[in-house]
């Protein structure tokens, strides 16, 4: 399973409805409203392959009402909370 993060610029009046629409989109695991980045929403994808990322972003997300622009980041590695906690302990310890 591949993970990808889609950063979304949206029309201000569409953010709430768009967040719900993203959460209901096939291939989207989570949707979050965000601030301070120039983006309004982030969709977290969980899909089987790269072709599915292209399908979700270009055929589903970008066609939702209120989407102005998207930027997609594909994850290479996933780190569990336990691994992150251990690395933090090493850093401060």
PDB file of N, CA and C in Angstrom:
ATOM      1  N   UNK A   1       0.851  -1.177   0.000  1.00  0.00           N
ATOM      2  CA  UNK A   1       0.000   0.000   0.000  1.00  0.00           C
ATOM      3  C   UNK A   1       0.895   1.239   0.000  1.00  0.00           C
ATOM      4  N   UNK A   2       0.602   2.172  -0.890  1.00  0.00           N
ATOM      5  CA  UNK A   2       1.346   3.428  -0.967  1.00  0.00           C
ATOM      6  C   UNK A   2       0.584   4.531  -0.245  1.00  0.00           C
ATOM      7  N   UNK A   3       1.330   5.438   0.344  1.00  0.00           N
ATOM      8  CA  UNK A   3       0.740   6.620   0.969  1.00  0.00           C
ATOM      9  C   UNK A   3       1.176   7.841   0.172  1.00  0.00           C
ATOM     10  N   UNK A   4       0.271   8.783   0.053  1.00  0.00           N
ATOM     11  CA  UNK A   4       0.585  10.056  -0.593  1.00  0.00           C
ATOM     12  C   UNK A   4      -0.185  11.146   0.135  1.00  0.00           C
ATOM     13  N   UNK A   5       0.351  12.351   0.064  1.00  0.00           N
ATOM     14  CA  UNK A   5      -0.251  13.509   0.711  1.00  0.00           C
ATOM     15  C   UNK A   5      -0.561  14.519  -0.373  1.00  0.00           C
ATOM     16  N   UNK A   6      -1.818  14.921  -0.444  1.00  0.00           N
ATOM     17  CA  UNK A   6      -2.239  15.880  -1.456  1.00  0.00           C
ATOM     18  C   UNK A   6      -2.551  17.197  -0.744  1.00  0.00           C
ATOM     19  N   UNK A   7      -1.740  18.210  -1.035  1.00  0.00           N
ATOM     20  CA  UNK A   7      -1.922  19.540  -0.471  1.00  0.00           C
ATOM     21  C   UNK A   7      -2.857  20.297  -1.408  1.00  0.00           C
ATOM     22  N   UNK A   8      -3.901  20.868  -0.844  1.00  0.00           N
ATOM     23  CA  UNK A   8      -4.966  21.428  -1.670  1.00  0.00           C
ATOM     24  C   UNK A   8      -5.205  22.895  -1.352  1.00  0.00           C
ATOM     25  N   UNK A   9      -5.194  23.718  -2.388  1.00  0.00           N
ATOM     26  CA  UNK A   9      -5.648  25.099  -2.277  1.00  0.00           C
ATOM     27  C   UNK A   9      -7.112  25.095  -2.680  1.00  0.00           C
ATOM     28  N   UNK A  10      -7.942  25.732  -1.853  1.00  0.00           N
ATOM     29  CA  UNK A  10      -9.378  25.702  -2.090  1.00  0.00           C
ATOM     30  C   UNK A  10      -9.977  27.103  -2.001  1.00  0.00           C
ATOM     31  N   UNK A  11     -11.133  27.249  -2.621  1.00  0.00           N
ATOM     32  CA  UNK A  11     -11.883  28.491  -2.441  1.00  0.00           C
ATOM     33  C   UNK A  11     -12.290  28.571  -0.970  1.00  0.00           C
ATOM     34  N   UNK A  12     -12.135  29.720  -0.337  1.00  0.00           N
ATOM     35  CA  UNK A  12     -12.465  29.845   1.087  1.00  0.00           C
ATOM     36  C   UNK A  12     -13.889  29.420   1.431  1.00  0.00           C
ATOM     37  N   UNK A  13     -14.838  29.705   0.559  1.00  0.00           N
ATOM     38  CA  UNK A  13     -16.230  29.358   0.848  1.00  0.00           C
ATOM     39  C   UNK A  13     -16.527  27.870   0.666  1.00  0.00           C
ATOM     40  N   UNK A  14     -15.568  27.110   0.159  1.00  0.00           N
ATOM     41  CA  UNK A  14     -15.796  25.693  -0.131  1.00  0.00           C
ATOM     42  C   UNK A  14     -15.057  24.749   0.807  1.00  0.00           C
ATOM     43  N   UNK A  15     -14.248  25.274   1.714  1.00  0.00           N
ATOM     44  CA  UNK A  15     -13.358  24.425   2.512  1.00  0.00           C
ATOM     45  C   UNK A  15     -14.110  23.371   3.321  1.00  0.00           C
ATOM     46  N   UNK A  16     -15.147  23.751   4.031  1.00  0.00           N
ATOM     47  CA  UNK A  16     -15.860  22.790   4.875  1.00  0.00           C
ATOM     48  C   UNK A  16     -16.502  21.683   4.044  1.00  0.00           C
ATOM     49  N   UNK A  17     -17.242  22.055   3.012  1.00  0.00           N
ATOM     50  CA  UNK A  17     -17.878  21.045   2.158  1.00  0.00           C
ATOM     51  C   UNK A  17     -16.840  20.187   1.446  1.00  0.00           C
ATOM     52  N   UNK A  18     -15.753  20.813   1.041  1.00  0.00           N
ATOM     53  CA  UNK A  18     -14.693  20.095   0.358  1.00  0.00           C
ATOM     54  C   UNK A  18     -14.020  19.083   1.290  1.00  0.00           C
ATOM     55  N   UNK A  19     -13.837  19.457   2.540  1.00  0.00           N
ATOM     56  CA  UNK A  19     -13.259  18.523   3.510  1.00  0.00           C
ATOM     57  C   UNK A  19     -14.091  17.262   3.633  1.00  0.00           C
ATOM     58  N   UNK A  20     -15.412  17.435   3.714  1.00  0.00           N
ATOM     59  CA  UNK A  20     -16.312  16.270   3.794  1.00  0.00           C
ATOM     60  C   UNK A  20     -16.269  15.454   2.500  1.00  0.00           C
ATOM     61  N   UNK A  21     -16.238  16.139   1.363  1.00  0.00           N
ATOM     62  CA  UNK A  21     -16.191  15.440   0.080  1.00  0.00           C
ATOM     63  C   UNK A  21     -14.896  14.650  -0.066  1.00  0.00           C
ATOM     64  N   UNK A  22     -13.791  15.235   0.381  1.00  0.00           N
ATOM     65  CA  UNK A  22     -12.510  14.528   0.330  1.00  0.00           C
ATOM     66  C   UNK A  22     -12.551  13.267   1.182  1.00  0.00           C
ATOM     67  N   UNK A  23     -13.090  13.388   2.393  1.00  0.00           N
ATOM     68  CA  UNK A  23     -13.154  12.245   3.305  1.00  0.00           C
ATOM     69  C   UNK A  23     -13.983  11.103   2.715  1.00  0.00           C
ATOM     70  N   UNK A  24     -14.936  11.430   1.859  1.00  0.00           N
ATOM     71  CA  UNK A  24     -15.791  10.423   1.232  1.00  0.00           C
ATOM     72  C   UNK A  24     -15.254   9.925  -0.110  1.00  0.00           C
ATOM     73  N   UNK A  25     -14.096  10.416  -0.517  1.00  0.00           N
ATOM     74  CA  UNK A  25     -13.523  10.045  -1.811  1.00  0.00           C
ATOM     75  C   UNK A  25     -12.762   8.732  -1.706  1.00  0.00           C
ATOM     76  N   UNK A  26     -13.047   7.821  -2.619  1.00  0.00           N
ATOM     77  CA  UNK A  26     -12.349   6.539  -2.646  1.00  0.00           C
ATOM     78  C   UNK A  26     -10.846   6.763  -2.808  1.00  0.00           C
ATOM     79  N   UNK A  27     -10.054   6.130  -1.963  1.00  0.00           N
ATOM     80  CA  UNK A  27      -8.602   6.278  -1.993  1.00  0.00           C
ATOM     81  C   UNK A  27      -8.078   7.267  -0.971  1.00  0.00           C
ATOM     82  N   UNK A  28      -8.965   8.094  -0.416  1.00  0.00           N
ATOM     83  CA  UNK A  28      -8.569   9.060   0.613  1.00  0.00           C
ATOM     84  C   UNK A  28      -8.802   8.433   1.981  1.00  0.00           C
ATOM     85  N   UNK A  29      -7.723   8.292   2.749  1.00  0.00           N
ATOM     86  CA  UNK A  29      -7.821   7.715   4.096  1.00  0.00           C
ATOM     87  C   UNK A  29      -8.252   8.758   5.113  1.00  0.00           C
ATOM     88  N   UNK A  30      -7.736   9.983   4.971  1.00  0.00           N
ATOM     89  CA  UNK A  30      -8.042  11.073   5.903  1.00  0.00           C
ATOM     90  C   UNK A  30      -8.033  12.387   5.148  1.00  0.00           C
ATOM     91  N   UNK A  31      -8.766  13.358   5.672  1.00  0.00           N
ATOM     92  CA  UNK A  31      -8.723  14.719   5.152  1.00  0.00           C
ATOM     93  C   UNK A  31      -8.628  15.671   6.340  1.00  0.00           C
ATOM     94  N   UNK A  32      -7.744  16.668   6.221  1.00  0.00           N
ATOM     95  CA  UNK A  32      -7.512  17.610   7.315  1.00  0.00           C
ATOM     96  C   UNK A  32      -7.545  19.035   6.790  1.00  0.00           C
ATOM     97  N   UNK A  33      -8.177  19.938   7.538  1.00  0.00           N
ATOM     98  CA  UNK A  33      -8.016  21.359   7.230  1.00  0.00           C
ATOM     99  C   UNK A  33      -6.728  21.796   7.913  1.00  0.00           C
ATOM    100  N   UNK A  34      -5.985  22.684   7.258  1.00  0.00           N
ATOM    101  CA  UNK A  34      -4.687  23.122   7.778  1.00  0.00           C
ATOM    102  C   UNK A  34      -4.553  24.631   7.619  1.00  0.00           C
ATOM    103  N   UNK A  35      -3.607  25.194   8.348  1.00  0.00           N
ATOM    104  CA  UNK A  35      -3.356  26.632   8.270  1.00  0.00           C
ATOM    105  C   UNK A  35      -1.858  26.885   8.295  1.00  0.00           C
ATOM    106  N   UNK A  36      -1.485  28.051   7.791  1.00  0.00           N
ATOM    107  CA  UNK A  36      -0.103  28.488   7.891  1.00  0.00           C
ATOM    108  C   UNK A  36       0.825  27.954   6.822  1.00  0.00           C
ATOM    109  N   UNK A  37       0.285  27.379   5.771  1.00  0.00           N
ATOM    110  CA  UNK A  37       1.157  26.760   4.779  1.00  0.00           C
ATOM    111  C   UNK A  37       0.891  27.227   3.349  1.00  0.00           C
ATOM    112  N   UNK A  38      -0.138  28.014   3.148  1.00  0.00           N
ATOM    113  CA  UNK A  38      -0.535  28.367   1.794  1.00  0.00           C
ATOM    114  C   UNK A  38      -1.509  27.351   1.208  1.00  0.00           C
ATOM    115  N   UNK A  39      -1.757  26.283   1.959  1.00  0.00           N
ATOM    116  CA  UNK A  39      -2.730  25.275   1.555  1.00  0.00           C
ATOM    117  C   UNK A  39      -3.863  25.277   2.563  1.00  0.00           C
ATOM    118  N   UNK A  40      -5.020  24.809   2.143  1.00  0.00           N
ATOM    119  CA  UNK A  40      -6.206  24.818   2.999  1.00  0.00           C
ATOM    120  C   UNK A  40      -6.578  23.445   3.531  1.00  0.00           C
ATOM    121  N   UNK A  41      -6.268  22.419   2.751  1.00  0.00           N
ATOM    122  CA  UNK A  41      -6.619  21.046   3.117  1.00  0.00           C
ATOM    123  C   UNK A  41      -5.479  20.109   2.744  1.00  0.00           C
ATOM    124  N   UNK A  42      -5.387  19.008   3.467  1.00  0.00           N
ATOM    125  CA  UNK A  42      -4.456  17.940   3.126  1.00  0.00           C
ATOM    126  C   UNK A  42      -5.249  16.640   3.103  1.00  0.00           C
ATOM    127  N   UNK A  43      -5.143  15.914   2.003  1.00  0.00           N
ATOM    128  CA  UNK A  43      -5.753  14.591   1.896  1.00  0.00           C
ATOM    129  C   UNK A  43      -4.650  13.557   1.997  1.00  0.00           C
ATOM    130  N   UNK A  44      -4.846  12.562   2.847  1.00  0.00           N
ATOM    131  CA  UNK A  44      -3.895  11.473   2.992  1.00  0.00           C
ATOM    132  C   UNK A  44      -4.456  10.287   2.210  1.00  0.00           C
ATOM    133  N   UNK A  45      -3.707   9.849   1.203  1.00  0.00           N
ATOM    134  CA  UNK A  45      -4.154   8.746   0.369  1.00  0.00           C
ATOM    135  C   UNK A  45      -3.544   7.433   0.834  1.00  0.00           C
ATOM    136  N   UNK A  46      -4.275   6.367   0.662  1.00  0.00           N
ATOM    137  CA  UNK A  46      -3.782   5.005   0.868  1.00  0.00           C
ATOM    138  C   UNK A  46      -4.276   4.207  -0.330  1.00  0.00           C
ATOM    139  N   UNK A  47      -3.361   3.895  -1.235  1.00  0.00           N
ATOM    140  CA  UNK A  47      -3.725   3.256  -2.495  1.00  0.00           C
ATOM    141  C   UNK A  47      -2.734   2.142  -2.831  1.00  0.00           C
ATOM    142  N   UNK A  48      -3.115   1.228  -3.729  1.00  0.00           N
ATOM    143  CA  UNK A  48      -2.257   0.077  -4.007  1.00  0.00           C
ATOM    144  C   UNK A  48      -1.038   0.357  -4.880  1.00  0.00           C
ATOM    145  N   UNK A  49      -1.097   1.387  -5.735  1.00  0.00           N
ATOM    146  CA  UNK A  49       0.019   1.609  -6.657  1.00  0.00           C
ATOM    147  C   UNK A  49       0.039   3.062  -7.147  1.00  0.00           C
ATOM    148  N   UNK A  50       1.084   3.391  -7.909  1.00  0.00           N
ATOM    149  CA  UNK A  50       1.242   4.762  -8.403  1.00  0.00           C
ATOM    150  C   UNK A  50       0.110   5.172  -9.353  1.00  0.00           C
ATOM    151  N   UNK A  51      -0.355   4.248 -10.141  1.00  0.00           N
ATOM    152  CA  UNK A  51      -1.456   4.557 -11.057  1.00  0.00           C
ATOM    153  C   UNK A  51      -2.696   5.000 -10.282  1.00  0.00           C
ATOM    154  N   UNK A  52      -2.926   4.378  -9.122  1.00  0.00           N
ATOM    155  CA  UNK A  52      -4.078   4.752  -8.294  1.00  0.00           C
ATOM    156  C   UNK A  52      -3.912   6.160  -7.735  1.00  0.00           C
ATOM    157  N   UNK A  53      -2.676   6.557  -7.417  1.00  0.00           N
ATOM    158  CA  UNK A  53      -2.444   7.941  -6.969  1.00  0.00           C
ATOM    159  C   UNK A  53      -2.872   8.900  -8.071  1.00  0.00           C
ATOM    160  N   UNK A  54      -2.440   8.623  -9.280  1.00  0.00           N
ATOM    161  CA  UNK A  54      -2.798   9.479 -10.416  1.00  0.00           C
ATOM    162  C   UNK A  54      -4.309   9.543 -10.594  1.00  0.00           C
ATOM    163  N   UNK A  55      -4.976   8.416 -10.465  1.00  0.00           N
ATOM    164  CA  UNK A  55      -6.430   8.380 -10.623  1.00  0.00           C
ATOM    165  C   UNK A  55      -7.127   9.195  -9.544  1.00  0.00           C
ATOM    166  N   UNK A  56      -6.735   8.999  -8.300  1.00  0.00           N
ATOM    167  CA  UNK A  56      -7.390   9.709  -7.199  1.00  0.00           C
ATOM    168  C   UNK A  56      -7.180  11.214  -7.331  1.00  0.00           C
ATOM    169  N   UNK A  57      -5.953  11.623  -7.642  1.00  0.00           N
ATOM    170  CA  UNK A  57      -5.663  13.058  -7.707  1.00  0.00           C
ATOM    171  C   UNK A  57      -6.285  13.708  -8.932  1.00  0.00           C
ATOM    172  N   UNK A  58      -6.075  13.130 -10.101  1.00  0.00           N
ATOM    173  CA  UNK A  58      -6.504  13.812 -11.327  1.00  0.00           C
ATOM    174  C   UNK A  58      -7.960  13.579 -11.698  1.00  0.00           C
ATOM    175  N   UNK A  59      -8.495  12.403 -11.338  1.00  0.00           N
ATOM    176  CA  UNK A  59      -9.866  12.104 -11.747  1.00  0.00           C
ATOM    177  C   UNK A  59     -10.893  12.305 -10.631  1.00  0.00           C
ATOM    178  N   UNK A  60     -10.435  12.409  -9.398  1.00  0.00           N
ATOM    179  CA  UNK A  60     -11.378  12.577  -8.294  1.00  0.00           C
ATOM    180  C   UNK A  60     -11.161  13.901  -7.565  1.00  0.00           C
ATOM    181  N   UNK A  61     -10.021  14.060  -6.921  1.00  0.00           N
ATOM    182  CA  UNK A  61      -9.804  15.253  -6.084  1.00  0.00           C
ATOM    183  C   UNK A  61      -9.843  16.539  -6.902  1.00  0.00           C
ATOM    184  N   UNK A  62      -9.090  16.595  -7.975  1.00  0.00           N
ATOM    185  CA  UNK A  62      -9.002  17.857  -8.730  1.00  0.00           C
ATOM    186  C   UNK A  62     -10.322  18.260  -9.370  1.00  0.00           C
ATOM    187  N   UNK A  63     -11.258  17.331  -9.486  1.00  0.00           N
ATOM    188  CA  UNK A  63     -12.566  17.639 -10.073  1.00  0.00           C
ATOM    189  C   UNK A  63     -13.610  18.049  -9.042  1.00  0.00           C
ATOM    190  N   UNK A  64     -13.261  17.991  -7.760  1.00  0.00           N
ATOM    191  CA  UNK A  64     -14.212  18.393  -6.719  1.00  0.00           C
ATOM    192  C   UNK A  64     -14.433  19.901  -6.754  1.00  0.00           C
ATOM    193  N   UNK A  65     -15.669  20.313  -6.538  1.00  0.00           N
ATOM    194  CA  UNK A  65     -16.007  21.728  -6.539  1.00  0.00           C
ATOM    195  C   UNK A  65     -15.254  22.453  -5.426  1.00  0.00           C
ATOM    196  N   UNK A  66     -14.567  23.510  -5.776  1.00  0.00           N
ATOM    197  CA  UNK A  66     -13.848  24.320  -4.802  1.00  0.00           C
ATOM    198  C   UNK A  66     -12.344  24.123  -4.825  1.00  0.00           C
ATOM    199  N   UNK A  67     -11.855  23.080  -5.494  1.00  0.00           N
ATOM    200  CA  UNK A  67     -10.414  22.851  -5.587  1.00  0.00           C
ATOM    201  C   UNK A  67      -9.820  23.829  -6.590  1.00  0.00           C
ATOM    202  N   UNK A  68      -8.814  24.577  -6.151  1.00  0.00           N
ATOM    203  CA  UNK A  68      -8.120  25.513  -7.030  1.00  0.00           C
ATOM    204  C   UNK A  68      -6.867  24.872  -7.604  1.00  0.00           C
ATOM    205  N   UNK A  69      -6.083  24.211  -6.729  1.00  0.00           N
ATOM    206  CA  UNK A  69      -4.811  23.620  -7.148  1.00  0.00           C
ATOM    207  C   UNK A  69      -4.432  22.517  -6.174  1.00  0.00           C
ATOM    208  N   UNK A  70      -3.609  21.575  -6.637  1.00  0.00           N
ATOM    209  CA  UNK A  70      -3.115  20.507  -5.771  1.00  0.00           C
ATOM    210  C   UNK A  70      -1.612  20.333  -5.952  1.00  0.00           C
ATOM    211  N   UNK A  71      -0.966  19.868  -4.907  1.00  0.00           N
ATOM    212  CA  UNK A  71       0.426  19.447  -4.937  1.00  0.00           C
ATOM    213  C   UNK A  71       0.480  18.098  -4.248  1.00  0.00           C
ATOM    214  N   UNK A  72       1.079  17.122  -4.905  1.00  0.00           N
ATOM    215  CA  UNK A  72       1.092  15.766  -4.365  1.00  0.00           C
ATOM    216  C   UNK A  72       2.501  15.366  -3.948  1.00  0.00           C
ATOM    217  N   UNK A  73       2.593  14.794  -2.759  1.00  0.00           N
ATOM    218  CA  UNK A  73       3.850  14.244  -2.246  1.00  0.00           C
ATOM    219  C   UNK A  73       3.643  12.748  -2.010  1.00  0.00           C
ATOM    220  N   UNK A  74       4.535  11.922  -2.558  1.00  0.00           N
ATOM    221  CA  UNK A  74       4.446  10.476  -2.381  1.00  0.00           C
ATOM    222  C   UNK A  74       5.411  10.069  -1.275  1.00  0.00           C
ATOM    223  N   UNK A  75       4.924   9.273  -0.329  1.00  0.00           N
ATOM    224  CA  UNK A  75       5.747   8.842   0.802  1.00  0.00           C
ATOM    225  C   UNK A  75       6.668   7.704   0.376  1.00  0.00           C
ATOM    226  N   UNK A  76       7.916   7.753   0.845  1.00  0.00           N
ATOM    227  CA  UNK A  76       8.871   6.672   0.611  1.00  0.00           C
ATOM    228  C   UNK A  76       8.857   5.670   1.763  1.00  0.00           C
ATOM    229  N   UNK A  77       8.870   6.186   2.993  1.00  0.00           N
ATOM    230  CA  UNK A  77       8.900   5.334   4.177  1.00  0.00           C
ATOM    231  C   UNK A  77       7.877   5.830   5.182  1.00  0.00           C
ATOM    232  N   UNK A  78       7.403   4.894   5.980  1.00  0.00           N
ATOM    233  CA  UNK A  78       6.492   5.245   7.065  1.00  0.00           C
ATOM    234  C   UNK A  78       7.173   4.860   8.368  1.00  0.00           C
ATOM    235  N   UNK A  79       7.096   5.734   9.341  1.00  0.00           N
ATOM    236  CA  UNK A  79       7.697   5.483  10.644  1.00  0.00           C
ATOM    237  C   UNK A  79       6.596   5.412  11.677  1.00  0.00           C
ATOM    238  N   UNK A  80       6.646   4.403  12.515  1.00  0.00           N
ATOM    239  CA  UNK A  80       5.622   4.253  13.542  1.00  0.00           C
ATOM    240  C   UNK A  80       5.900   5.210  14.690  1.00  0.00           C
ATOM    241  N   UNK A  81       4.901   5.421  15.523  1.00  0.00           N
ATOM    242  CA  UNK A  81       5.049   6.288  16.687  1.00  0.00           C
ATOM    243  C   UNK A  81       6.161   5.777  17.587  1.00  0.00           C
ATOM    244  N   UNK A  82       6.248   4.481  17.777  1.00  0.00           N
ATOM    245  CA  UNK A  82       7.299   3.910  18.632  1.00  0.00           C
ATOM    246  C   UNK A  82       8.681   4.248  18.086  1.00  0.00           C
ATOM    247  N   UNK A  83       8.867   4.168  16.772  1.00  0.00           N
ATOM    248  CA  UNK A  83      10.153   4.512  16.174  1.00  0.00           C
ATOM    249  C   UNK A  83      10.454   5.995  16.349  1.00  0.00           C
ATOM    250  N   UNK A  84       9.449   6.844  16.180  1.00  0.00           N
ATOM    251  CA  UNK A  84       9.656   8.276  16.348  1.00  0.00           C
ATOM    252  C   UNK A  84       9.968   8.613  17.803  1.00  0.00           C
ATOM    253  N   UNK A  85       9.250   7.987  18.749  1.00  0.00           N
ATOM    254  CA  UNK A  85       9.529   8.211  20.170  1.00  0.00           C
ATOM    255  C   UNK A  85      10.950   7.788  20.514  1.00  0.00           C
ATOM    256  N   UNK A  86      11.400   6.653  19.983  1.00  0.00           N
ATOM    257  CA  UNK A  86      12.755   6.161  20.250  1.00  0.00           C
ATOM    258  C   UNK A  86      13.793   7.126  19.693  1.00  0.00           C
ATOM    259  N   UNK A  87      13.547   7.660  18.483  1.00  0.00           N
ATOM    260  CA  UNK A  87      14.517   8.593  17.914  1.00  0.00           C
ATOM    261  C   UNK A  87      14.551   9.893  18.707  1.00  0.00           C
ATOM    262  N   UNK A  88      13.413  10.324  19.244  1.00  0.00           N
ATOM    263  CA  UNK A  88      13.379  11.521  20.082  1.00  0.00           C
ATOM    264  C   UNK A  88      14.144  11.278  21.369  1.00  0.00           C
ATOM    265  N   UNK A  89      13.938  10.111  21.985  1.00  0.00           N
ATOM    266  CA  UNK A  89      14.661   9.768  23.210  1.00  0.00           C
ATOM    267  C   UNK A  89      16.166   9.792  22.977  1.00  0.00           C
ATOM    268  N   UNK A  90      16.615   9.279  21.835  1.00  0.00           N
ATOM    269  CA  UNK A  90      18.042   9.302  21.506  1.00  0.00           C
ATOM    270  C   UNK A  90      18.537  10.729  21.338  1.00  0.00           C
ATOM    271  N   UNK A  91      17.695  11.595  20.789  1.00  0.00           N
ATOM    272  CA  UNK A  91      18.075  12.976  20.520  1.00  0.00           C
ATOM    273  C   UNK A  91      18.255  13.760  21.831  1.00  0.00           C
ATOM    274  N   UNK A  92      17.326  13.616  22.752  1.00  0.00           N
ATOM    275  CA  UNK A  92      17.385  14.395  23.992  1.00  0.00           C
ATOM    276  C   UNK A  92      18.184  13.693  25.085  1.00  0.00           C
ATOM    277  N   UNK A  93      18.440  12.424  24.923  1.00  0.00           N
ATOM    278  CA  UNK A  93      19.115  11.651  25.965  1.00  0.00           C
ATOM    279  C   UNK A  93      20.549  11.659  25.832  1.00  0.00           C
TER     280      UNK A  93
END
